[in-house]
Amino acid sequence: MSGRTVAVIAAVGVGVAVISSGLLRSTQTGTVLVSRAAFPTAMEALPDGGLLFAERLTGRIRVVTANGSVQGEALSRVAVRTDGQRGLLGLARESGGDVFAAWVDPSGSLLVGRVAPGPTQVIWRGPTTRRQSNGGRIAITPDGRLIVGVGDLLDRELVTDPSAPNGKLLLLDPSGEESQRPEVHSSGWNNPFAFDVDEDGAVWVADNAPGSEPERLARVSPAGVVTVLADLPARTAPSGLALVSGGLLVCGFKSRELLGYPLRGGVLGEHLTLAEDCALGVVRLADGRVAYANEREIRVLGAGS
């Protein structure tokens, strides 16, 4: 990390904690909730136990009920460029029901916008993307702002440039114009594609890294102080992170594993593999289940799975 205070905390064994009513246990096979999804990159929980999911390859945002019924053709759809790691990448929903997305448009720019209800309204036109390391995940902070992760865009020299978006978590005004200048939340990232925000405003990040560099789990305080908690197992390529009661979950695109980390007093315990078919993301649902995705399906764990 650069330009921030970084503390390293060793990950020590604290025993097997109970996560989400007994979710954390040995490898399981999740129950299929949605089949034939077109690369469901991002998911967002709905208050009724269902979810929204974003299809990277089609640009569609779709609604799923708690029992797995997909509602209609699409809640919204954006035009996307899909070569490399581009496409529809991020999804977030405000408590009032407004839905936001992040995507790469046909010109190759990273956009963030309000996509429902009503017509799409771009609130930020970001950098020109590359085939890799674009980021694109979004979330909503407790104070109502949007946070977007941007990768290094294959230009590591710009990660330390405070005026460049490369390798940063950025804060956006959800009512802003597409020309707005984001506030830098934290910097020094390789590709912070997997993150979640807790109720206190802290951001928990699983950072991708190129080549043999370690991939890290970190916590960022609301003031932007980065605490590295642990290195992820080799060849994880984190694609999703979800906070749950008693710990956090990490999905790996390369490892194809859903990892569970007990968390006590700010210290992570040794991880367990919860499932072996997770590749794209993970989210905690309102009814306590956990949904995770691969390129073709969304599955759930918990409540009898």
C-alpha atoms as a PDB file:
ATOM      1  CA  MET A   1       0.000   0.000   0.000  1.00  0.00           C
ATOM      2  CA  SER A   2       1.173   3.551  -0.586  1.00  0.00           C
ATOM      3  CA  GLY A   3       0.336   6.865   1.035  1.00  0.00           C
ATOM      4  CA  ARG A   4      -1.564   5.292   3.915  1.00  0.00           C
ATOM      5  CA  THR A   5      -0.778   3.808   7.310  1.00  0.00           C
ATOM      6  CA  VAL A   6      -0.566   0.054   6.940  1.00  0.00           C
ATOM      7  CA  ALA A   7      -0.635  -2.366   9.866  1.00  0.00           C
ATOM      8  CA  VAL A   8      -0.047  -6.065   9.375  1.00  0.00           C
ATOM      9  CA  ILE A   9      -1.887  -8.453  11.662  1.00  0.00           C
ATOM     10  CA  ALA A  10      -0.958 -12.128  11.624  1.00  0.00           C
ATOM     11  CA  ALA A  11      -3.823 -14.469  10.901  1.00  0.00           C
ATOM     12  CA  VAL A  12      -3.948 -16.768  13.901  1.00  0.00           C
ATOM     13  CA  GLY A  13      -6.063 -19.829  14.496  1.00  0.00           C
ATOM     14  CA  VAL A  14      -9.032 -19.016  16.705  1.00  0.00           C
ATOM     15  CA  GLY A  15     -10.979 -22.205  16.216  1.00  0.00           C
ATOM     16  CA  VAL A  16     -14.046 -22.730  14.090  1.00  0.00           C
ATOM     17  CA  ALA A  17     -16.491 -19.881  14.582  1.00  0.00           C
ATOM     18  CA  VAL A  18     -20.159 -20.079  13.780  1.00  0.00           C
ATOM     19  CA  ILE A  19     -20.878 -18.008  10.682  1.00  0.00           C
ATOM     20  CA  SER A  20     -24.460 -17.337   9.597  1.00  0.00           C
ATOM     21  CA  SER A  21     -26.124 -19.946  11.804  1.00  0.00           C
ATOM     22  CA  GLY A  22     -23.684 -22.748  11.166  1.00  0.00           C
ATOM     23  CA  LEU A  23     -22.773 -21.919   7.560  1.00  0.00           C
ATOM     24  CA  LEU A  24     -19.053 -22.282   8.225  1.00  0.00           C
ATOM     25  CA  ARG A  25     -18.335 -25.978   7.971  1.00  0.00           C
ATOM     26  CA  SER A  26     -16.583 -28.326   5.553  1.00  0.00           C
ATOM     27  CA  THR A  27     -17.092 -28.295   1.799  1.00  0.00           C
ATOM     28  CA  GLN A  28     -20.729 -28.298   0.725  1.00  0.00           C
ATOM     29  CA  THR A  29     -22.636 -28.306  -2.543  1.00  0.00           C
ATOM     30  CA  GLY A  30     -24.974 -25.357  -2.817  1.00  0.00           C
ATOM     31  CA  THR A  31     -28.548 -25.590  -4.048  1.00  0.00           C
ATOM     32  CA  VAL A  32     -29.087 -24.136  -7.525  1.00  0.00           C
ATOM     33  CA  LEU A  33     -31.119 -20.929  -7.308  1.00  0.00           C
ATOM     34  CA  VAL A  34     -30.685 -19.672 -10.899  1.00  0.00           C
ATOM     35  CA  SER A  35     -29.532 -21.740 -13.864  1.00  0.00           C
ATOM     36  CA  ARG A  36     -28.522 -20.559 -17.319  1.00  0.00           C
ATOM     37  CA  ALA A  37     -27.314 -17.148 -16.149  1.00  0.00           C
ATOM     38  CA  ALA A  38     -24.978 -15.339 -18.545  1.00  0.00           C
ATOM     39  CA  PHE A  39     -21.884 -14.736 -16.390  1.00  0.00           C
ATOM     40  CA  PRO A  40     -23.605 -13.262 -13.278  1.00  0.00           C
ATOM     41  CA  THR A  41     -20.715 -11.056 -12.200  1.00  0.00           C
ATOM     42  CA  ALA A  42     -22.425  -9.051  -9.456  1.00  0.00           C
ATOM     43  CA  MET A  43     -25.288  -9.705  -7.058  1.00  0.00           C
ATOM     44  CA  GLU A  44     -27.243  -7.528  -4.622  1.00  0.00           C
ATOM     45  CA  ALA A  45     -29.600  -8.741  -1.903  1.00  0.00           C
ATOM     46  CA  LEU A  46     -33.249  -7.655  -1.834  1.00  0.00           C
ATOM     47  CA  PRO A  47     -35.247  -7.139   1.391  1.00  0.00           C
ATOM     48  CA  ASP A  48     -37.589 -10.088   0.663  1.00  0.00           C
ATOM     49  CA  GLY A  49     -34.807 -12.700   0.467  1.00  0.00           C
ATOM     50  CA  GLY A  50     -34.392 -12.472  -3.292  1.00  0.00           C
ATOM     51  CA  LEU A  51     -31.630 -10.775  -5.206  1.00  0.00           C
ATOM     52  CA  LEU A  52     -30.620  -8.726  -8.218  1.00  0.00           C
ATOM     53  CA  PHE A  53     -27.875 -10.012 -10.474  1.00  0.00           C
ATOM     54  CA  ALA A  54     -25.899  -8.414 -13.272  1.00  0.00           C
ATOM     55  CA  GLU A  55     -24.936 -10.377 -16.382  1.00  0.00           C
ATOM     56  CA  ARG A  56     -21.507  -9.305 -17.592  1.00  0.00           C
ATOM     57  CA  LEU A  57     -22.027 -10.570 -21.130  1.00  0.00           C
ATOM     58  CA  THR A  58     -25.536  -9.205 -21.836  1.00  0.00           C
ATOM     59  CA  GLY A  59     -25.662  -5.989 -19.813  1.00  0.00           C
ATOM     60  CA  ARG A  60     -28.919  -7.138 -18.201  1.00  0.00           C
ATOM     61  CA  ILE A  61     -29.849  -6.608 -14.548  1.00  0.00           C
ATOM     62  CA  ARG A  62     -32.344  -9.237 -13.480  1.00  0.00           C
ATOM     63  CA  VAL A  63     -34.606  -9.796 -10.474  1.00  0.00           C
ATOM     64  CA  VAL A  64     -34.810 -13.158  -8.685  1.00  0.00           C
ATOM     65  CA  THR A  65     -37.319 -14.098  -5.987  1.00  0.00           C
ATOM     66  CA  ALA A  66     -36.297 -15.958  -2.837  1.00  0.00           C
ATOM     67  CA  ASN A  67     -37.394 -19.259  -4.412  1.00  0.00           C
ATOM     68  CA  GLY A  68     -35.343 -18.719  -7.575  1.00  0.00           C
ATOM     69  CA  SER A  69     -37.958 -17.377  -9.990  1.00  0.00           C
ATOM     70  CA  VAL A  70     -36.392 -14.924 -12.452  1.00  0.00           C
ATOM     71  CA  GLN A  71     -38.796 -12.036 -13.036  1.00  0.00           C
ATOM     72  CA  GLY A  72     -39.226 -10.873 -16.632  1.00  0.00           C
ATOM     73  CA  GLU A  73     -36.544 -10.197 -19.211  1.00  0.00           C
ATOM     74  CA  ALA A  74     -34.643  -7.523 -17.290  1.00  0.00           C
ATOM     75  CA  LEU A  75     -35.064  -4.764 -14.705  1.00  0.00           C
ATOM     76  CA  SER A  76     -32.662  -2.699 -16.791  1.00  0.00           C
ATOM     77  CA  ARG A  77     -30.103  -3.159 -19.539  1.00  0.00           C
ATOM     78  CA  VAL A  78     -26.984  -1.249 -20.537  1.00  0.00           C
ATOM     79  CA  ALA A  79     -24.870  -1.496 -23.684  1.00  0.00           C
ATOM     80  CA  VAL A  80     -21.561  -3.167 -22.854  1.00  0.00           C
ATOM     81  CA  ARG A  81     -18.203  -4.052 -24.332  1.00  0.00           C
ATOM     82  CA  THR A  82     -17.279  -7.561 -23.231  1.00  0.00           C
ATOM     83  CA  ASP A  83     -13.776  -8.409 -24.455  1.00  0.00           C
ATOM     84  CA  GLY A  84     -11.243  -9.314 -21.786  1.00  0.00           C
ATOM     85  CA  GLN A  85     -12.526  -8.435 -18.306  1.00  0.00           C
ATOM     86  CA  ARG A  86     -14.961  -5.801 -19.545  1.00  0.00           C
ATOM     87  CA  GLY A  87     -18.752  -5.834 -19.385  1.00  0.00           C
ATOM     88  CA  LEU A  88     -21.384  -5.192 -16.709  1.00  0.00           C
ATOM     89  CA  LEU A  89     -19.254  -5.373 -13.551  1.00  0.00           C
ATOM     90  CA  GLY A  90     -20.894  -3.843 -10.492  1.00  0.00           C
ATOM     91  CA  LEU A  91     -24.279  -3.537  -8.828  1.00  0.00           C
ATOM     92  CA  ALA A  92     -25.598  -1.717  -5.751  1.00  0.00           C
ATOM     93  CA  ARG A  93     -29.041  -0.884  -4.367  1.00  0.00           C
ATOM     94  CA  GLU A  94     -29.996   1.937  -2.034  1.00  0.00           C
ATOM     95  CA  SER A  95     -32.430   1.269   0.803  1.00  0.00           C
ATOM     96  CA  GLY A  96     -34.981   3.418  -1.013  1.00  0.00           C
ATOM     97  CA  GLY A  97     -34.849   1.146  -4.055  1.00  0.00           C
ATOM     98  CA  ASP A  98     -32.620   3.038  -6.498  1.00  0.00           C
ATOM     99  CA  VAL A  99     -30.308   0.646  -8.336  1.00  0.00           C
ATOM    100  CA  PHE A 100     -26.823   1.595  -9.530  1.00  0.00           C
ATOM    101  CA  ALA A 101     -24.469  -0.260 -11.825  1.00  0.00           C
ATOM    102  CA  ALA A 102     -20.918  -0.017 -13.153  1.00  0.00           C
ATOM    103  CA  TRP A 103     -20.118  -1.133 -16.678  1.00  0.00           C
ATOM    104  CA  VAL A 104     -17.775  -0.714 -19.627  1.00  0.00           C
ATOM    105  CA  ASP A 105     -19.600   0.940 -22.499  1.00  0.00           C
ATOM    106  CA  PRO A 106     -18.943   0.173 -26.200  1.00  0.00           C
ATOM    107  CA  SER A 107     -16.316   2.941 -26.341  1.00  0.00           C
ATOM    108  CA  GLY A 108     -14.338   1.222 -23.566  1.00  0.00           C
ATOM    109  CA  SER A 109     -15.023   3.753 -20.773  1.00  0.00           C
ATOM    110  CA  LEU A 110     -15.880   2.666 -17.230  1.00  0.00           C
ATOM    111  CA  LEU A 111     -19.261   4.178 -16.331  1.00  0.00           C
ATOM    112  CA  VAL A 112     -21.256   4.303 -13.099  1.00  0.00           C
ATOM    113  CA  GLY A 113     -24.931   5.193 -13.251  1.00  0.00           C
ATOM    114  CA  ARG A 114     -28.413   4.904 -11.815  1.00  0.00           C
ATOM    115  CA  VAL A 115     -30.178   2.231 -13.874  1.00  0.00           C
ATOM    116  CA  ALA A 116     -33.548   1.858 -12.086  1.00  0.00           C
ATOM    117  CA  PRO A 117     -36.164   3.055 -11.636  1.00  0.00           C
ATOM    118  CA  GLY A 118     -36.525   5.043 -14.837  1.00  0.00           C
ATOM    119  CA  PRO A 119     -34.029   5.545 -17.649  1.00  0.00           C
ATOM    120  CA  THR A 120     -30.293   5.095 -17.112  1.00  0.00           C
ATOM    121  CA  GLN A 121     -28.519   8.200 -15.816  1.00  0.00           C
ATOM    122  CA  VAL A 122     -24.691   8.178 -15.864  1.00  0.00           C
ATOM    123  CA  ILE A 123     -23.252   9.751 -12.700  1.00  0.00           C
ATOM    124  CA  TRP A 124     -19.563   9.221 -13.490  1.00  0.00           C
ATOM    125  CA  ARG A 125     -17.598   8.675 -16.652  1.00  0.00           C
ATOM    126  CA  GLY A 126     -14.405   7.009 -15.532  1.00  0.00           C
ATOM    127  CA  PRO A 127     -11.173   6.012 -17.225  1.00  0.00           C
ATOM    128  CA  THR A 128     -10.648   4.147 -20.452  1.00  0.00           C
ATOM    129  CA  THR A 129     -10.427   0.478 -19.534  1.00  0.00           C
ATOM    130  CA  ARG A 130      -7.967  -2.226 -20.521  1.00  0.00           C
ATOM    131  CA  ARG A 131      -8.468  -5.929 -21.169  1.00  0.00           C
ATOM    132  CA  GLN A 132      -7.521  -6.623 -17.540  1.00  0.00           C
ATOM    133  CA  SER A 133      -7.343  -4.991 -14.107  1.00  0.00           C
ATOM    134  CA  ASN A 134     -10.279  -2.619 -14.524  1.00  0.00           C
ATOM    135  CA  GLY A 135     -12.105  -3.150 -11.237  1.00  0.00           C
ATOM    136  CA  GLY A 136     -15.709  -2.053 -11.528  1.00  0.00           C
ATOM    137  CA  ARG A 137     -17.376  -3.313  -8.368  1.00  0.00           C
ATOM    138  CA  ILE A 138     -19.506  -0.775  -6.456  1.00  0.00           C
ATOM    139  CA  ALA A 139     -21.174  -0.513  -3.042  1.00  0.00           C
ATOM    140  CA  ILE A 140     -23.073   2.057  -1.009  1.00  0.00           C
ATOM    141  CA  THR A 141     -21.542   3.526   2.140  1.00  0.00           C
ATOM    142  CA  PRO A 142     -23.561   4.203   5.329  1.00  0.00           C
ATOM    143  CA  ASP A 143     -23.529   7.942   4.531  1.00  0.00           C
ATOM    144  CA  GLY A 144     -25.180   7.311   1.158  1.00  0.00           C
ATOM    145  CA  ARG A 145     -22.235   7.685  -1.177  1.00  0.00           C
ATOM    146  CA  LEU A 146     -21.171   5.190  -3.815  1.00  0.00           C
ATOM    147  CA  ILE A 147     -17.768   3.558  -3.650  1.00  0.00           C
ATOM    148  CA  VAL A 148     -16.184   2.115  -6.797  1.00  0.00           C
ATOM    149  CA  GLY A 149     -13.030   0.035  -7.095  1.00  0.00           C
ATOM    150  CA  VAL A 150     -10.675   0.767  -9.984  1.00  0.00           C
ATOM    151  CA  GLY A 151      -7.758  -1.525 -10.835  1.00  0.00           C
ATOM    152  CA  ASP A 152      -4.326  -0.350 -11.874  1.00  0.00           C
ATOM    153  CA  LEU A 153      -5.449  -0.465 -15.548  1.00  0.00           C
ATOM    154  CA  LEU A 154      -2.096  -2.151 -16.317  1.00  0.00           C
ATOM    155  CA  ASP A 155      -0.244   1.078 -15.481  1.00  0.00           C
ATOM    156  CA  ARG A 156       1.330   0.642 -12.050  1.00  0.00           C
ATOM    157  CA  GLU A 157       3.107   3.997 -12.148  1.00  0.00           C
ATOM    158  CA  LEU A 158      -0.214   5.832 -11.871  1.00  0.00           C
ATOM    159  CA  VAL A 159      -1.294   4.011  -8.706  1.00  0.00           C
ATOM    160  CA  THR A 160       0.661   6.529  -6.608  1.00  0.00           C
ATOM    161  CA  ASP A 161      -0.675   9.521  -8.578  1.00  0.00           C
ATOM    162  CA  PRO A 162      -3.457  11.094  -6.470  1.00  0.00           C
ATOM    163  CA  SER A 163      -5.032  12.631  -9.565  1.00  0.00           C
ATOM    164  CA  ALA A 164      -5.333   9.287 -11.419  1.00  0.00           C
ATOM    165  CA  PRO A 165      -8.068   6.701 -10.676  1.00  0.00           C
ATOM    166  CA  ASN A 166      -5.670   3.748 -11.098  1.00  0.00           C
ATOM    167  CA  GLY A 167      -5.461   1.358  -8.126  1.00  0.00           C
ATOM    168  CA  LYS A 168      -7.938   3.195  -5.923  1.00  0.00           C
ATOM    169  CA  LEU A 169     -11.251   3.000  -4.137  1.00  0.00           C
ATOM    170  CA  LEU A 170     -13.171   6.161  -5.083  1.00  0.00           C
ATOM    171  CA  LEU A 171     -16.199   7.852  -3.531  1.00  0.00           C
ATOM    172  CA  LEU A 172     -18.973   9.233  -5.744  1.00  0.00           C
ATOM    173  CA  ASP A 173     -22.015  11.431  -5.215  1.00  0.00           C
ATOM    174  CA  PRO A 174     -24.958   9.276  -6.386  1.00  0.00           C
ATOM    175  CA  SER A 175     -26.733  12.477  -7.535  1.00  0.00           C
ATOM    176  CA  GLY A 176     -23.670  13.848  -9.319  1.00  0.00           C
ATOM    177  CA  GLU A 177     -22.987  14.491 -12.979  1.00  0.00           C
ATOM    178  CA  GLU A 178     -20.854  12.222 -15.126  1.00  0.00           C
ATOM    179  CA  SER A 179     -18.046  14.808 -15.012  1.00  0.00           C
ATOM    180  CA  GLN A 180     -17.837  14.749 -11.185  1.00  0.00           C
ATOM    181  CA  ARG A 181     -14.400  14.389  -9.576  1.00  0.00           C
ATOM    182  CA  PRO A 182     -14.375  11.421  -7.183  1.00  0.00           C
ATOM    183  CA  GLU A 183     -12.865  11.600  -3.726  1.00  0.00           C
ATOM    184  CA  VAL A 184     -10.044   9.120  -3.128  1.00  0.00           C
ATOM    185  CA  HIS A 185     -11.055   6.760  -0.349  1.00  0.00           C
ATOM    186  CA  SER A 186      -7.873   4.637  -0.358  1.00  0.00           C
ATOM    187  CA  SER A 187      -5.041   3.861  -2.750  1.00  0.00           C
ATOM    188  CA  GLY A 188      -2.232   1.437  -3.437  1.00  0.00           C
ATOM    189  CA  TRP A 189      -4.424  -1.385  -4.748  1.00  0.00           C
ATOM    190  CA  ASN A 190      -3.686  -3.771  -7.587  1.00  0.00           C
ATOM    191  CA  ASN A 191      -7.305  -4.529  -8.488  1.00  0.00           C
ATOM    192  CA  PRO A 192      -9.790  -4.136  -5.596  1.00  0.00           C
ATOM    193  CA  PHE A 193     -12.555  -6.048  -7.339  1.00  0.00           C
ATOM    194  CA  ALA A 194     -13.881  -7.860  -4.251  1.00  0.00           C
ATOM    195  CA  PHE A 195     -15.064  -5.703  -1.353  1.00  0.00           C
ATOM    196  CA  ASP A 196     -17.912  -5.093   1.071  1.00  0.00           C
ATOM    197  CA  VAL A 197     -18.818  -2.231   3.411  1.00  0.00           C
ATOM    198  CA  ASP A 198     -19.846  -2.779   7.025  1.00  0.00           C
ATOM    199  CA  GLU A 199     -22.392  -0.765   9.007  1.00  0.00           C
ATOM    200  CA  ASP A 200     -19.635   1.404  10.515  1.00  0.00           C
ATOM    201  CA  GLY A 201     -18.333   2.397   7.075  1.00  0.00           C
ATOM    202  CA  ALA A 202     -15.225   0.221   7.063  1.00  0.00           C
ATOM    203  CA  VAL A 203     -14.428  -1.415   3.723  1.00  0.00           C
ATOM    204  CA  TRP A 204     -13.193  -5.020   3.623  1.00  0.00           C
ATOM    205  CA  VAL A 205     -11.166  -5.750   0.496  1.00  0.00           C
ATOM    206  CA  ALA A 206      -9.729  -8.828  -1.213  1.00  0.00           C
ATOM    207  CA  ASP A 207      -7.169  -7.387  -3.617  1.00  0.00           C
ATOM    208  CA  ASN A 208      -6.155  -9.159  -6.809  1.00  0.00           C
ATOM    209  CA  ALA A 209      -2.458  -9.123  -7.693  1.00  0.00           C
ATOM    210  CA  PRO A 210      -0.472  -9.845 -10.849  1.00  0.00           C
ATOM    211  CA  GLY A 211       1.979 -12.713 -11.285  1.00  0.00           C
ATOM    212  CA  SER A 212       3.500 -14.047  -8.083  1.00  0.00           C
ATOM    213  CA  GLU A 213       2.630 -11.043  -5.904  1.00  0.00           C
ATOM    214  CA  PRO A 214       0.542 -11.924  -2.828  1.00  0.00           C
ATOM    215  CA  GLU A 215      -3.202 -11.295  -2.899  1.00  0.00           C
ATOM    216  CA  ARG A 216      -4.295  -9.634   0.315  1.00  0.00           C
ATOM    217  CA  LEU A 217      -7.287  -9.380   2.597  1.00  0.00           C
ATOM    218  CA  ALA A 218      -7.507  -5.932   4.142  1.00  0.00           C
ATOM    219  CA  ARG A 219      -9.754  -3.656   6.153  1.00  0.00           C
ATOM    220  CA  VAL A 220      -9.945   0.066   5.376  1.00  0.00           C
ATOM    221  CA  SER A 221     -11.232   2.345   8.116  1.00  0.00           C
ATOM    222  CA  PRO A 222     -13.708   5.113   7.266  1.00  0.00           C
ATOM    223  CA  ALA A 223     -10.727   7.484   7.428  1.00  0.00           C
ATOM    224  CA  GLY A 224      -8.878   5.475   4.775  1.00  0.00           C
ATOM    225  CA  VAL A 225      -6.354   3.672   6.998  1.00  0.00           C
ATOM    226  CA  VAL A 226      -5.521   0.287   5.427  1.00  0.00           C
ATOM    227  CA  THR A 227      -4.911  -2.729   7.680  1.00  0.00           C
ATOM    228  CA  VAL A 228      -3.669  -5.845   5.896  1.00  0.00           C
ATOM    229  CA  LEU A 229      -5.132  -8.855   7.687  1.00  0.00           C
ATOM    230  CA  ALA A 230      -3.793 -11.830   5.725  1.00  0.00           C
ATOM    231  CA  ASP A 231      -2.525 -13.085   2.399  1.00  0.00           C
ATOM    232  CA  LEU A 232      -4.981 -15.165   0.413  1.00  0.00           C
ATOM    233  CA  PRO A 233      -4.033 -18.670  -0.743  1.00  0.00           C
ATOM    234  CA  ALA A 234      -2.002 -18.696  -3.946  1.00  0.00           C
ATOM    235  CA  ARG A 235      -3.937 -18.462  -7.219  1.00  0.00           C
ATOM    236  CA  THR A 236      -7.200 -17.295  -5.654  1.00  0.00           C
ATOM    237  CA  ALA A 237      -7.990 -14.269  -7.904  1.00  0.00           C
ATOM    238  CA  PRO A 238     -10.669 -12.934  -5.517  1.00  0.00           C
ATOM    239  CA  SER A 239     -13.888 -12.107  -7.344  1.00  0.00           C
ATOM    240  CA  GLY A 240     -16.269 -11.485  -4.459  1.00  0.00           C
ATOM    241  CA  LEU A 241     -16.312 -10.763  -0.721  1.00  0.00           C
ATOM    242  CA  ALA A 242     -19.254 -10.746   1.686  1.00  0.00           C
ATOM    243  CA  LEU A 243     -19.428  -9.904   5.370  1.00  0.00           C
ATOM    244  CA  VAL A 244     -21.535 -12.331   7.408  1.00  0.00           C
ATOM    245  CA  SER A 245     -22.181 -12.806  11.090  1.00  0.00           C
ATOM    246  CA  GLY A 246     -18.909 -13.944  12.662  1.00  0.00           C
ATOM    247  CA  GLY A 247     -16.645 -13.610   9.649  1.00  0.00           C
ATOM    248  CA  LEU A 248     -16.271 -13.007   5.968  1.00  0.00           C
ATOM    249  CA  LEU A 249     -16.526 -15.020   2.755  1.00  0.00           C
ATOM    250  CA  VAL A 250     -14.247 -14.807  -0.287  1.00  0.00           C
ATOM    251  CA  CYS A 251     -14.913 -16.256  -3.730  1.00  0.00           C
ATOM    252  CA  GLY A 252     -11.973 -17.042  -6.050  1.00  0.00           C
ATOM    253  CA  PHE A 253     -12.121 -16.949  -9.843  1.00  0.00           C
ATOM    254  CA  LYS A 254      -9.000 -19.091 -10.289  1.00  0.00           C
ATOM    255  CA  SER A 255      -9.364 -21.289  -7.201  1.00  0.00           C
ATOM    256  CA  ARG A 256     -13.103 -21.857  -7.822  1.00  0.00           C
ATOM    257  CA  GLU A 257     -13.502 -21.958  -4.038  1.00  0.00           C
ATOM    258  CA  LEU A 258     -15.700 -20.165  -1.545  1.00  0.00           C
ATOM    259  CA  LEU A 259     -13.556 -19.545   1.518  1.00  0.00           C
ATOM    260  CA  GLY A 260     -14.897 -18.748   4.991  1.00  0.00           C
ATOM    261  CA  TYR A 261     -12.765 -16.750   7.446  1.00  0.00           C
ATOM    262  CA  PRO A 262     -13.816 -16.614  11.117  1.00  0.00           C
ATOM    263  CA  LEU A 263     -13.364 -13.106  12.488  1.00  0.00           C
ATOM    264  CA  ARG A 264     -12.994 -12.327  16.182  1.00  0.00           C
ATOM    265  CA  GLY A 265     -11.815  -9.058  17.615  1.00  0.00           C
ATOM    266  CA  GLY A 266     -10.475  -7.898  14.273  1.00  0.00           C
ATOM    267  CA  VAL A 267      -8.347 -11.023  13.841  1.00  0.00           C
ATOM    268  CA  LEU A 268      -8.996 -13.573  11.083  1.00  0.00           C
ATOM    269  CA  GLY A 269      -8.900 -17.263  11.820  1.00  0.00           C
ATOM    270  CA  GLU A 270      -7.715 -19.934   9.409  1.00  0.00           C
ATOM    271  CA  HIS A 271      -9.985 -20.261   6.421  1.00  0.00           C
ATOM    272  CA  LEU A 272     -12.178 -23.198   5.527  1.00  0.00           C
ATOM    273  CA  THR A 273     -13.359 -24.154   2.052  1.00  0.00           C
ATOM    274  CA  LEU A 274     -17.155 -23.948   2.052  1.00  0.00           C
ATOM    275  CA  ALA A 275     -17.826 -24.743  -1.611  1.00  0.00           C
ATOM    276  CA  GLU A 276     -15.809 -25.624  -4.698  1.00  0.00           C
ATOM    277  CA  ASP A 277     -17.963 -24.132  -7.453  1.00  0.00           C
ATOM    278  CA  CYS A 278     -17.742 -20.398  -6.692  1.00  0.00           C
ATOM    279  CA  ALA A 279     -16.085 -18.207  -9.320  1.00  0.00           C
ATOM    280  CA  LEU A 280     -17.748 -14.812  -9.680  1.00  0.00           C
ATOM    281  CA  GLY A 281     -19.161 -13.424  -6.466  1.00  0.00           C
ATOM    282  CA  VAL A 282     -20.906 -13.933  -3.145  1.00  0.00           C
ATOM    283  CA  VAL A 283     -23.624 -12.070  -1.229  1.00  0.00           C
ATOM    284  CA  ARG A 284     -25.487 -12.557   2.040  1.00  0.00           C
ATOM    285  CA  LEU A 285     -29.239 -12.624   1.481  1.00  0.00           C
ATOM    286  CA  ALA A 286     -31.811 -10.990   3.753  1.00  0.00           C
ATOM    287  CA  ASP A 287     -33.096 -14.381   4.969  1.00  0.00           C
ATOM    288  CA  GLY A 288     -29.623 -15.465   6.156  1.00  0.00           C
ATOM    289  CA  ARG A 289     -28.684 -17.629   3.192  1.00  0.00           C
ATOM    290  CA  VAL A 290     -25.561 -16.967   1.148  1.00  0.00           C
ATOM    291  CA  ALA A 291     -25.703 -16.814  -2.650  1.00  0.00           C
ATOM    292  CA  TYR A 292     -22.617 -17.395  -4.778  1.00  0.00           C
ATOM    293  CA  ALA A 293     -22.093 -17.641  -8.522  1.00  0.00           C
ATOM    294  CA  ASN A 294     -20.082 -19.246 -11.269  1.00  0.00           C
ATOM    295  CA  GLU A 295     -20.280 -18.503 -14.983  1.00  0.00           C
ATOM    296  CA  ARG A 296     -23.571 -20.356 -15.478  1.00  0.00           C
ATOM    297  CA  GLU A 297     -25.373 -20.597 -12.132  1.00  0.00           C
ATOM    298  CA  ILE A 298     -26.206 -18.920  -8.874  1.00  0.00           C
ATOM    299  CA  ARG A 299     -26.281 -21.281  -5.889  1.00  0.00           C
ATOM    300  CA  VAL A 300     -27.232 -20.824  -2.233  1.00  0.00           C
ATOM    301  CA  LEU A 301     -25.962 -22.176   1.057  1.00  0.00           C
ATOM    302  CA  GLY A 302     -27.894 -22.194   4.320  1.00  0.00           C
ATOM    303  CA  ALA A 303     -31.507 -22.857   5.324  1.00  0.00           C
ATOM    304  CA  GLY A 304     -31.362 -26.542   4.490  1.00  0.00           C
ATOM    305  CA  SER A 305     -28.804 -26.441   1.650  1.00  0.00           C
END
